[in-house]
PDB file of all heavy atoms in Angstrom:
ATOM      1  N   GLU A   1       1.107   2.159 -13.975  1.00  0.00           N
ATOM      2  CA  GLU A   1       1.956   1.649 -15.079  1.00  0.00           C
ATOM      3  C   GLU A   1       1.302   0.469 -15.768  1.00  0.00           C
ATOM      4  O   GLU A   1       1.377   0.196 -16.899  1.00  0.00           O
ATOM      5  CB  GLU A   1       3.426   1.487 -14.671  1.00  0.00           C
ATOM      6  CG  GLU A   1       4.324   1.206 -15.787  1.00  0.00           C
ATOM      7  CD  GLU A   1       5.771   1.110 -15.346  1.00  0.00           C
ATOM      8  OE1 GLU A   1       6.020   1.333 -14.123  1.00  0.00           O
ATOM      9  OE2 GLU A   1       6.658   0.791 -16.194  1.00  0.00           O
ATOM     10  N   VAL A   2       0.832  -0.482 -14.867  1.00  0.00           N
ATOM     11  CA  VAL A   2       0.281  -1.787 -15.330  1.00  0.00           C
ATOM     12  C   VAL A   2      -0.924  -1.427 -16.174  1.00  0.00           C
ATOM     13  O   VAL A   2      -1.203  -2.072 -17.181  1.00  0.00           O
ATOM     14  CB  VAL A   2       0.073  -2.617 -14.138  1.00  0.00           C
ATOM     15  CG1 VAL A   2      -0.733  -3.929 -14.587  1.00  0.00           C
ATOM     16  CG2 VAL A   2       1.314  -3.074 -13.495  1.00  0.00           C
ATOM     17  N   ILE A   3      -1.727  -0.567 -15.695  1.00  0.00           N
ATOM     18  CA  ILE A   3      -2.971  -0.141 -16.281  1.00  0.00           C
ATOM     19  C   ILE A   3      -2.599   0.461 -17.792  1.00  0.00           C
ATOM     20  O   ILE A   3      -3.295  -0.046 -18.670  1.00  0.00           O
ATOM     21  CB  ILE A   3      -3.750   0.861 -15.521  1.00  0.00           C
ATOM     22  CG1 ILE A   3      -4.255   0.266 -14.267  1.00  0.00           C
ATOM     23  CG2 ILE A   3      -4.877   1.484 -16.363  1.00  0.00           C
ATOM     24  CD1 ILE A   3      -4.980   1.279 -13.364  1.00  0.00           C
ATOM     25  N   GLN A   4      -1.666   1.216 -17.865  1.00  0.00           N
ATOM     26  CA  GLN A   4      -1.172   1.861 -19.158  1.00  0.00           C
ATOM     27  C   GLN A   4      -0.687   0.758 -20.013  1.00  0.00           C
ATOM     28  O   GLN A   4      -0.915   0.712 -21.204  1.00  0.00           O
ATOM     29  CB  GLN A   4      -0.235   2.894 -18.996  1.00  0.00           C
ATOM     30  CG  GLN A   4       0.128   3.625 -20.173  1.00  0.00           C
ATOM     31  CD  GLN A   4       1.102   4.725 -20.010  1.00  0.00           C
ATOM     32  OE1 GLN A   4       1.567   5.027 -18.790  1.00  0.00           O
ATOM     33  NE2 GLN A   4       1.386   5.503 -20.971  1.00  0.00           N
ATOM     34  N   THR A   5       0.026  -0.152 -19.440  1.00  0.00           N
ATOM     35  CA  THR A   5       0.734  -1.300 -20.345  1.00  0.00           C
ATOM     36  C   THR A   5      -0.361  -2.200 -20.836  1.00  0.00           C
ATOM     37  O   THR A   5      -0.243  -2.622 -22.023  1.00  0.00           O
ATOM     38  CB  THR A   5       1.754  -2.042 -19.444  1.00  0.00           C
ATOM     39  OG1 THR A   5       2.746  -1.086 -18.978  1.00  0.00           O
ATOM     40  CG2 THR A   5       2.329  -3.098 -20.308  1.00  0.00           C
ATOM     41  N   GLN A   6      -1.258  -2.579 -20.099  1.00  0.00           N
ATOM     42  CA  GLN A   6      -2.358  -3.474 -20.488  1.00  0.00           C
ATOM     43  C   GLN A   6      -3.427  -2.743 -21.199  1.00  0.00           C
ATOM     44  O   GLN A   6      -4.447  -3.418 -21.799  1.00  0.00           O
ATOM     45  CB  GLN A   6      -2.947  -3.983 -19.254  1.00  0.00           C
ATOM     46  CG  GLN A   6      -2.032  -5.106 -18.510  1.00  0.00           C
ATOM     47  CD  GLN A   6      -2.642  -5.811 -17.369  1.00  0.00           C
ATOM     48  OE1 GLN A   6      -3.808  -5.751 -17.114  1.00  0.00           O
ATOM     49  NE2 GLN A   6      -1.859  -6.602 -16.665  1.00  0.00           N
ATOM     50  N   GLY A   7      -3.398  -1.460 -21.378  1.00  0.00           N
ATOM     51  CA  GLY A   7      -4.490  -0.767 -22.166  1.00  0.00           C
ATOM     52  C   GLY A   7      -5.757  -0.630 -21.455  1.00  0.00           C
ATOM     53  O   GLY A   7      -6.760  -0.764 -22.235  1.00  0.00           O
ATOM     54  N   LEU A   8      -5.847  -0.703 -20.107  1.00  0.00           N
ATOM     55  CA  LEU A   8      -7.230  -0.863 -19.432  1.00  0.00           C
ATOM     56  C   LEU A   8      -7.956   0.467 -19.521  1.00  0.00           C
ATOM     57  O   LEU A   8      -7.288   1.518 -19.289  1.00  0.00           O
ATOM     58  CB  LEU A   8      -7.020  -1.324 -18.095  1.00  0.00           C
ATOM     59  CG  LEU A   8      -6.348  -2.643 -17.827  1.00  0.00           C
ATOM     60  CD1 LEU A   8      -6.203  -3.089 -16.414  1.00  0.00           C
ATOM     61  CD2 LEU A   8      -7.021  -3.853 -18.586  1.00  0.00           C
ATOM     62  N   THR A   9      -9.260   0.455 -19.701  1.00  0.00           N
ATOM     63  CA  THR A   9      -9.932   1.672 -19.699  1.00  0.00           C
ATOM     64  C   THR A   9     -11.307   1.522 -19.143  1.00  0.00           C
ATOM     65  O   THR A   9     -11.746   0.351 -18.816  1.00  0.00           O
ATOM     66  CB  THR A   9     -10.343   2.189 -21.233  1.00  0.00           C
ATOM     67  OG1 THR A   9     -10.899   1.108 -21.901  1.00  0.00           O
ATOM     68  CG2 THR A   9      -8.909   2.515 -21.906  1.00  0.00           C
ATOM     69  N   ASP A  10     -11.932   2.621 -18.789  1.00  0.00           N
ATOM     70  CA  ASP A  10     -13.370   2.588 -18.171  1.00  0.00           C
ATOM     71  C   ASP A  10     -13.403   1.701 -17.096  1.00  0.00           C
ATOM     72  O   ASP A  10     -12.779   1.784 -16.165  1.00  0.00           O
ATOM     73  CB  ASP A  10     -14.324   2.266 -19.290  1.00  0.00           C
ATOM     74  CG  ASP A  10     -14.248   3.210 -20.480  1.00  0.00           C
ATOM     75  OD1 ASP A  10     -13.833   4.403 -20.203  1.00  0.00           O
ATOM     76  OD2 ASP A  10     -14.560   2.886 -21.731  1.00  0.00           O
ATOM     77  N   GLU A  11     -14.489   0.675 -17.122  1.00  0.00           N
ATOM     78  CA  GLU A  11     -14.772  -0.157 -15.974  1.00  0.00           C
ATOM     79  C   GLU A  11     -13.672  -1.089 -15.626  1.00  0.00           C
ATOM     80  O   GLU A  11     -13.406  -1.323 -14.434  1.00  0.00           O
ATOM     81  CB  GLU A  11     -15.957  -0.952 -16.234  1.00  0.00           C
ATOM     82  CG  GLU A  11     -16.577  -1.840 -15.082  1.00  0.00           C
ATOM     83  CD  GLU A  11     -16.838  -0.971 -13.843  1.00  0.00           C
ATOM     84  OE1 GLU A  11     -17.202   0.239 -14.108  1.00  0.00           O
ATOM     85  OE2 GLU A  11     -16.657  -1.569 -12.672  1.00  0.00           O
ATOM     86  N   LYS A  12     -12.949  -1.593 -16.606  1.00  0.00           N
ATOM     87  CA  LYS A  12     -11.654  -2.443 -16.266  1.00  0.00           C
ATOM     88  C   LYS A  12     -10.675  -1.583 -15.656  1.00  0.00           C
ATOM     89  O   LYS A  12     -10.068  -2.232 -14.608  1.00  0.00           O
ATOM     90  CB  LYS A  12     -11.158  -3.064 -17.508  1.00  0.00           C
ATOM     91  CG  LYS A  12     -12.058  -4.064 -18.206  1.00  0.00           C
ATOM     92  CD  LYS A  12     -11.489  -4.606 -19.503  1.00  0.00           C
ATOM     93  CE  LYS A  12     -12.397  -5.651 -20.129  1.00  0.00           C
ATOM     94  NZ  LYS A  12     -11.715  -6.187 -21.387  1.00  0.00           N
ATOM     95  N   LYS A  13     -10.388  -0.433 -15.829  1.00  0.00           N
ATOM     96  CA  LYS A  13      -9.361   0.308 -15.196  1.00  0.00           C
ATOM     97  C   LYS A  13      -9.889   0.739 -13.796  1.00  0.00           C
ATOM     98  O   LYS A  13      -9.108   0.647 -12.815  1.00  0.00           O
ATOM     99  CB  LYS A  13      -9.202   1.737 -15.967  1.00  0.00           C
ATOM    100  CG  LYS A  13      -8.253   2.812 -15.490  1.00  0.00           C
ATOM    101  CD  LYS A  13      -8.070   3.934 -16.292  1.00  0.00           C
ATOM    102  CE  LYS A  13      -7.148   4.856 -15.804  1.00  0.00           C
ATOM    103  NZ  LYS A  13      -6.988   6.077 -16.624  1.00  0.00           N
ATOM    104  N   ARG A  14     -11.113   1.036 -13.608  1.00  0.00           N
ATOM    105  CA  ARG A  14     -11.701   1.377 -12.300  1.00  0.00           C
ATOM    106  C   ARG A  14     -11.696   0.022 -11.422  1.00  0.00           C
ATOM    107  O   ARG A  14     -11.297   0.203 -10.255  1.00  0.00           O
ATOM    108  CB  ARG A  14     -13.177   1.683 -12.500  1.00  0.00           C
ATOM    109  CG  ARG A  14     -13.911   1.972 -11.082  1.00  0.00           C
ATOM    110  CD  ARG A  14     -15.332   2.335 -11.422  1.00  0.00           C
ATOM    111  NE  ARG A  14     -16.062   2.405 -10.214  1.00  0.00           N
ATOM    112  CZ  ARG A  14     -16.624   1.473  -9.564  1.00  0.00           C
ATOM    113  NH1 ARG A  14     -16.725   0.167 -10.126  1.00  0.00           N
ATOM    114  NH2 ARG A  14     -17.347   1.649  -8.329  1.00  0.00           N
ATOM    115  N   GLN A  15     -11.978  -1.065 -12.051  1.00  0.00           N
ATOM    116  CA  GLN A  15     -11.903  -2.217 -11.036  1.00  0.00           C
ATOM    117  C   GLN A  15     -10.438  -2.727 -10.719  1.00  0.00           C
ATOM    118  O   GLN A  15     -10.180  -3.133  -9.568  1.00  0.00           O
ATOM    119  CB  GLN A  15     -12.489  -3.482 -11.889  1.00  0.00           C
ATOM    120  CG  GLN A  15     -12.802  -4.708 -11.002  1.00  0.00           C
ATOM    121  CD  GLN A  15     -13.667  -4.409  -9.863  1.00  0.00           C
ATOM    122  OE1 GLN A  15     -14.785  -3.799  -9.957  1.00  0.00           O
ATOM    123  NE2 GLN A  15     -13.365  -4.850  -8.613  1.00  0.00           N
ATOM    124  N   TYR A  16      -9.458  -2.398 -11.628  1.00  0.00           N
ATOM    125  CA  TYR A  16      -8.127  -2.667 -11.335  1.00  0.00           C
ATOM    126  C   TYR A  16      -7.706  -1.797 -10.235  1.00  0.00           C
ATOM    127  O   TYR A  16      -6.858  -2.238  -9.315  1.00  0.00           O
ATOM    128  CB  TYR A  16      -7.264  -2.555 -12.550  1.00  0.00           C
ATOM    129  CG  TYR A  16      -5.884  -3.030 -12.373  1.00  0.00           C
ATOM    130  CD1 TYR A  16      -5.423  -4.345 -12.690  1.00  0.00           C
ATOM    131  CD2 TYR A  16      -4.833  -2.159 -11.840  1.00  0.00           C
ATOM    132  CE1 TYR A  16      -4.138  -4.736 -12.521  1.00  0.00           C
ATOM    133  CE2 TYR A  16      -3.523  -2.640 -11.639  1.00  0.00           C
ATOM    134  CZ  TYR A  16      -3.329  -3.923 -11.952  1.00  0.00           C
ATOM    135  OH  TYR A  16      -1.946  -4.425 -11.689  1.00  0.00           O
ATOM    136  N   ARG A  17      -8.113  -0.586 -10.288  1.00  0.00           N
ATOM    137  CA  ARG A  17      -7.675   0.382  -9.152  1.00  0.00           C
ATOM    138  C   ARG A  17      -8.266  -0.133  -7.851  1.00  0.00           C
ATOM    139  O   ARG A  17      -7.645   0.006  -6.776  1.00  0.00           O
ATOM    140  CB  ARG A  17      -8.080   1.755  -9.483  1.00  0.00           C
ATOM    141  CG  ARG A  17      -7.172   2.478 -10.539  1.00  0.00           C
ATOM    142  CD  ARG A  17      -7.763   3.952 -10.863  1.00  0.00           C
ATOM    143  NE  ARG A  17      -6.848   4.656 -11.736  1.00  0.00           N
ATOM    144  CZ  ARG A  17      -7.048   5.846 -12.198  1.00  0.00           C
ATOM    145  NH1 ARG A  17      -8.278   6.446 -11.967  1.00  0.00           N
ATOM    146  NH2 ARG A  17      -6.212   6.502 -12.896  1.00  0.00           N
ATOM    147  N   LEU A  18      -9.608  -0.508  -7.907  1.00  0.00           N
ATOM    148  CA  LEU A  18     -10.160  -0.924  -6.558  1.00  0.00           C
ATOM    149  C   LEU A  18      -9.437  -2.062  -6.082  1.00  0.00           C
ATOM    150  O   LEU A  18      -9.394  -2.292  -4.852  1.00  0.00           O
ATOM    151  CB  LEU A  18     -11.603  -1.149  -6.786  1.00  0.00           C
ATOM    152  CG  LEU A  18     -12.569   0.117  -7.203  1.00  0.00           C
ATOM    153  CD1 LEU A  18     -13.885  -0.263  -7.457  1.00  0.00           C
ATOM    154  CD2 LEU A  18     -12.454   1.179  -6.005  1.00  0.00           C
ATOM    155  N   ASP A  19      -9.077  -3.084  -6.932  1.00  0.00           N
ATOM    156  CA  ASP A  19      -8.523  -4.292  -6.431  1.00  0.00           C
ATOM    157  C   ASP A  19      -6.989  -4.153  -5.964  1.00  0.00           C
ATOM    158  O   ASP A  19      -6.601  -4.778  -5.075  1.00  0.00           O
ATOM    159  CB  ASP A  19      -8.539  -5.320  -7.641  1.00  0.00           C
ATOM    160  CG  ASP A  19      -9.981  -5.707  -8.014  1.00  0.00           C
ATOM    161  OD1 ASP A  19     -10.890  -5.507  -7.070  1.00  0.00           O
ATOM    162  OD2 ASP A  19     -10.315  -6.239  -9.049  1.00  0.00           O
ATOM    163  N   HIS A  20      -6.388  -3.267  -6.643  1.00  0.00           N
ATOM    164  CA  HIS A  20      -4.858  -3.234  -6.347  1.00  0.00           C
ATOM    165  C   HIS A  20      -4.395  -1.860  -5.711  1.00  0.00           C
ATOM    166  O   HIS A  20      -3.595  -1.820  -4.873  1.00  0.00           O
ATOM    167  CB  HIS A  20      -4.105  -3.263  -7.702  1.00  0.00           C
ATOM    168  CG  HIS A  20      -4.271  -4.645  -8.331  1.00  0.00           C
ATOM    169  ND1 HIS A  20      -5.381  -4.942  -9.203  1.00  0.00           N
ATOM    170  CD2 HIS A  20      -3.485  -5.796  -8.406  1.00  0.00           C
ATOM    171  CE1 HIS A  20      -5.303  -6.203  -9.597  1.00  0.00           C
ATOM    172  NE2 HIS A  20      -4.172  -6.792  -9.178  1.00  0.00           N
ATOM    173  N   SER A  21      -5.049  -0.797  -6.089  1.00  0.00           N
ATOM    174  CA  SER A  21      -4.588   0.449  -5.458  1.00  0.00           C
ATOM    175  C   SER A  21      -5.304   0.790  -4.246  1.00  0.00           C
ATOM    176  O   SER A  21      -4.769   1.496  -3.266  1.00  0.00           O
ATOM    177  CB  SER A  21      -4.792   1.661  -6.522  1.00  0.00           C
ATOM    178  OG  SER A  21      -3.816   1.387  -7.565  1.00  0.00           O
ATOM    179  N   LYS A  22      -6.645   0.615  -4.086  1.00  0.00           N
ATOM    180  CA  LYS A  22      -7.320   0.923  -2.963  1.00  0.00           C
ATOM    181  C   LYS A  22      -6.828   0.400  -1.612  1.00  0.00           C
ATOM    182  O   LYS A  22      -6.759   1.049  -0.573  1.00  0.00           O
ATOM    183  CB  LYS A  22      -8.894   0.472  -3.078  1.00  0.00           C
ATOM    184  CG  LYS A  22      -9.760   0.964  -2.018  1.00  0.00           C
ATOM    185  CD  LYS A  22     -11.222   0.591  -2.257  1.00  0.00           C
ATOM    186  CE  LYS A  22     -12.146   1.292  -1.221  1.00  0.00           C
ATOM    187  NZ  LYS A  22     -11.796   0.873   0.187  1.00  0.00           N
ATOM    188  N   PRO A  23      -6.368  -0.944  -1.651  1.00  0.00           N
ATOM    189  CA  PRO A  23      -5.703  -1.396  -0.393  1.00  0.00           C
ATOM    190  C   PRO A  23      -4.528  -0.687  -0.050  1.00  0.00           C
ATOM    191  O   PRO A  23      -4.257  -0.384   1.133  1.00  0.00           O
ATOM    192  CB  PRO A  23      -5.444  -2.871  -0.646  1.00  0.00           C
ATOM    193  CG  PRO A  23      -6.434  -3.325  -1.731  1.00  0.00           C
ATOM    194  CD  PRO A  23      -6.568  -1.993  -2.612  1.00  0.00           C
ATOM    195  N   VAL A  24      -3.788  -0.343  -1.009  1.00  0.00           N
ATOM    196  CA  VAL A  24      -2.449   0.474  -0.727  1.00  0.00           C
ATOM    197  C   VAL A  24      -2.841   1.893  -0.133  1.00  0.00           C
ATOM    198  O   VAL A  24      -2.128   2.340   0.762  1.00  0.00           O
ATOM    199  CB  VAL A  24      -1.668   0.580  -2.033  1.00  0.00           C
ATOM    200  CG1 VAL A  24      -0.409   1.504  -1.824  1.00  0.00           C
ATOM    201  CG2 VAL A  24      -1.323  -0.782  -2.606  1.00  0.00           C
ATOM    202  N   VAL A  25      -3.839   2.492  -0.631  1.00  0.00           N
ATOM    203  CA  VAL A  25      -4.116   3.809  -0.241  1.00  0.00           C
ATOM    204  C   VAL A  25      -4.741   3.720   1.147  1.00  0.00           C
ATOM    205  O   VAL A  25      -4.404   4.567   2.039  1.00  0.00           O
ATOM    206  CB  VAL A  25      -5.170   4.500  -1.208  1.00  0.00           C
ATOM    207  CG1 VAL A  25      -5.796   5.731  -0.761  1.00  0.00           C
ATOM    208  CG2 VAL A  25      -4.571   4.676  -2.617  1.00  0.00           C
ATOM    209  N   ASP A  26      -5.620   2.775   1.368  1.00  0.00           N
ATOM    210  CA  ASP A  26      -6.158   2.655   2.800  1.00  0.00           C
ATOM    211  C   ASP A  26      -5.114   2.409   3.805  1.00  0.00           C
ATOM    212  O   ASP A  26      -5.099   2.960   4.924  1.00  0.00           O
ATOM    213  CB  ASP A  26      -7.189   1.495   2.709  1.00  0.00           C
ATOM    214  CG  ASP A  26      -8.430   1.810   1.912  1.00  0.00           C
ATOM    215  OD1 ASP A  26      -8.718   3.150   1.666  1.00  0.00           O
ATOM    216  OD2 ASP A  26      -9.201   0.928   1.516  1.00  0.00           O
ATOM    217  N   HIS A  27      -4.130   1.588   3.461  1.00  0.00           N
ATOM    218  CA  HIS A  27      -3.076   1.264   4.354  1.00  0.00           C
ATOM    219  C   HIS A  27      -2.166   2.506   4.587  1.00  0.00           C
ATOM    220  O   HIS A  27      -1.682   2.738   5.774  1.00  0.00           O
ATOM    221  CB  HIS A  27      -2.214   0.059   3.912  1.00  0.00           C
ATOM    222  CG  HIS A  27      -0.959  -0.192   4.702  1.00  0.00           C
ATOM    223  ND1 HIS A  27       0.248   0.393   4.565  1.00  0.00           N
ATOM    224  CD2 HIS A  27      -0.843  -0.986   5.819  1.00  0.00           C
ATOM    225  CE1 HIS A  27       1.174  -0.068   5.298  1.00  0.00           C
ATOM    226  NE2 HIS A  27       0.479  -0.899   6.136  1.00  0.00           N
TER     227      HIS A  27
END
């Protein structure tokens, strides 16, 4: 939802997922 609100695409979207969603998924 944050990605959609901020309008992140491509590399910025990928980096946001790695920084915020990847720790959640690994845990």
